[in-house]
Amino acid sequence: MSSTINKEEIQKFSKLAEEWWDVNGKFKPLHMFNPVRIEYITENIYKHFNLNKKTNPLNGLNILDIGCGGGLISEPMARLGASVTGIDASEKNITVAKLHSKKSNLQINYLN
């Protein structure tokens, strides 16, 4: 069986892993765009599951964040009440994501 994992891509993001949560670093454009991504994702979840977005909007939902990087989508989803699993091919990204979610008091299942 062949793999679809791009090792060069993993190495590129592994080198940048320390910068995931630096809002003025190399991921600044992603941080600026993240609110739009979160809004798009949550609006579609609300519509699909007919959820009330005012009280624990994602409470009871399981979300899988594939290619989670440092957790920029995983953390907001967890704050909204979802049970989140984030997976990434970069072990460094997972380490950064785990550390940040711990600092943020969020229970997120991160897997490499």
Protein backbone atom coordinates (compact mmCIF):
# COMPACT_ATOMS: atom_id res chain seq x y z
CA MET A 1 0.00 0.00 0.00
CA SER A 2 1.38 3.43 -0.89
CA SER A 3 1.24 6.50 1.34
CA THR A 4 -0.08 9.93 0.44
CA ILE A 5 2.10 11.61 3.06
CA ASN A 6 4.36 14.29 1.58
CA LYS A 7 7.55 14.14 3.68
CA GLU A 8 8.81 17.52 2.43
CA GLU A 9 5.54 19.14 3.53
CA ILE A 10 5.81 17.55 6.97
CA GLN A 11 9.38 18.79 7.34
CA LYS A 12 8.38 22.31 6.28
CA PHE A 13 5.65 22.55 8.92
CA SER A 14 7.77 20.79 11.54
CA LYS A 15 10.41 23.52 11.17
CA LEU A 16 7.71 26.14 11.77
CA ALA A 17 6.00 24.27 14.63
CA GLU A 18 7.20 26.66 17.34
CA GLU A 19 5.46 29.54 15.54
CA TRP A 20 1.90 28.16 15.32
CA TRP A 21 0.57 30.39 18.12
CA ASP A 22 2.60 33.52 17.33
CA VAL A 23 -0.09 35.80 15.88
CA ASN A 24 2.60 38.06 14.40
CA GLY A 25 4.79 35.23 13.08
CA LYS A 26 4.81 33.28 9.85
CA PHE A 27 1.26 32.06 10.49
CA LYS A 28 -0.11 35.61 10.87
CA PRO A 29 -2.23 35.34 7.69
CA LEU A 30 -3.77 32.12 9.01
CA HIS A 31 -4.55 33.76 12.37
CA MET A 32 -6.17 36.68 10.55
CA PHE A 33 -8.26 34.32 8.40
CA ASN A 34 -9.09 31.88 11.21
CA PRO A 35 -12.24 33.68 12.46
CA VAL A 36 -13.73 33.37 8.96
CA ARG A 37 -12.83 29.66 8.83
CA ILE A 38 -14.37 29.05 12.26
CA GLU A 39 -17.54 30.93 11.32
CA TYR A 40 -17.88 28.99 8.06
CA ILE A 41 -17.37 25.63 9.77
CA THR A 42 -19.70 26.35 12.69
CA GLU A 43 -22.47 27.85 10.53
CA ASN A 44 -22.50 24.70 8.42
CA ILE A 45 -22.52 22.49 11.52
CA TYR A 46 -25.44 24.49 12.98
CA LYS A 47 -27.42 24.12 9.77
CA HIS A 48 -26.60 20.45 9.22
CA PHE A 49 -27.43 19.36 12.78
CA ASN A 50 -30.14 22.01 13.36
CA LEU A 51 -28.35 23.29 16.48
CA ASN A 52 -29.06 26.29 18.65
CA LYS A 53 -25.87 28.33 18.48
CA LYS A 54 -26.60 30.30 21.66
CA THR A 55 -26.09 27.60 24.31
CA ASN A 56 -23.13 25.22 24.06
CA PRO A 57 -23.34 25.25 20.28
CA LEU A 58 -21.24 22.15 19.61
CA ASN A 59 -21.93 20.29 22.84
CA GLY A 60 -22.14 16.54 22.21
CA LEU A 61 -20.50 16.60 18.78
CA ASN A 62 -17.31 14.74 17.91
CA ILE A 63 -15.00 16.60 15.54
CA LEU A 64 -11.96 15.21 13.75
CA ASP A 65 -9.45 17.85 12.66
CA ILE A 66 -7.23 16.21 10.03
CA GLY A 67 -3.95 18.04 9.47
CA CYS A 68 -4.55 20.02 12.66
CA GLY A 69 -1.12 21.64 12.75
CA GLY A 70 -0.80 23.50 16.04
CA GLY A 71 -4.51 23.27 16.80
CA LEU A 72 -5.82 26.55 15.36
CA ILE A 73 -9.17 24.95 14.47
CA SER A 74 -9.21 22.26 17.18
CA GLU A 75 -9.08 24.72 20.07
CA PRO A 76 -11.99 26.95 19.02
CA MET A 77 -14.11 23.85 18.33
CA ALA A 78 -13.32 22.54 21.82
CA ARG A 79 -14.20 25.93 23.36
CA LEU A 80 -17.58 25.69 21.66
CA GLY A 81 -18.24 22.37 23.42
CA ALA A 82 -17.18 19.76 20.87
CA SER A 83 -15.15 16.70 21.72
CA VAL A 84 -12.15 17.17 19.40
CA THR A 85 -9.50 14.84 18.05
CA GLY A 86 -6.73 16.50 16.07
CA ILE A 87 -4.34 14.48 13.95
CA ASP A 88 -1.22 15.60 12.14
CA ALA A 89 1.67 13.85 10.39
CA SER A 90 4.17 16.15 12.12
CA GLU A 91 5.11 15.03 15.61
CA LYS A 92 6.38 18.55 16.41
CA ASN A 93 3.01 20.06 15.47
CA ILE A 94 1.26 17.64 17.80
CA THR A 95 3.67 18.49 20.62
CA VAL A 96 2.99 22.21 20.17
CA ALA A 97 -0.77 21.62 19.95
CA LYS A 98 -0.76 19.51 23.13
CA LEU A 99 1.23 22.12 25.06
CA HIS A 100 -0.98 24.99 23.93
CA SER A 101 -4.24 23.18 24.67
CA LYS A 102 -2.94 22.28 28.14
CA LYS A 103 -2.10 25.96 28.79
CA SER A 104 -5.60 26.83 27.57
CA ASN A 105 -7.22 24.21 29.84
CA LEU A 106 -8.76 22.38 26.90
CA GLN A 107 -9.21 18.62 26.62
CA ILE A 108 -8.25 17.77 23.04
CA ASN A 109 -7.11 14.36 21.88
CA TYR A 110 -4.07 15.01 19.67
CA LEU A 111 -2.57 12.11 17.73
CA ASN A 112 0.46 11.75 15.47
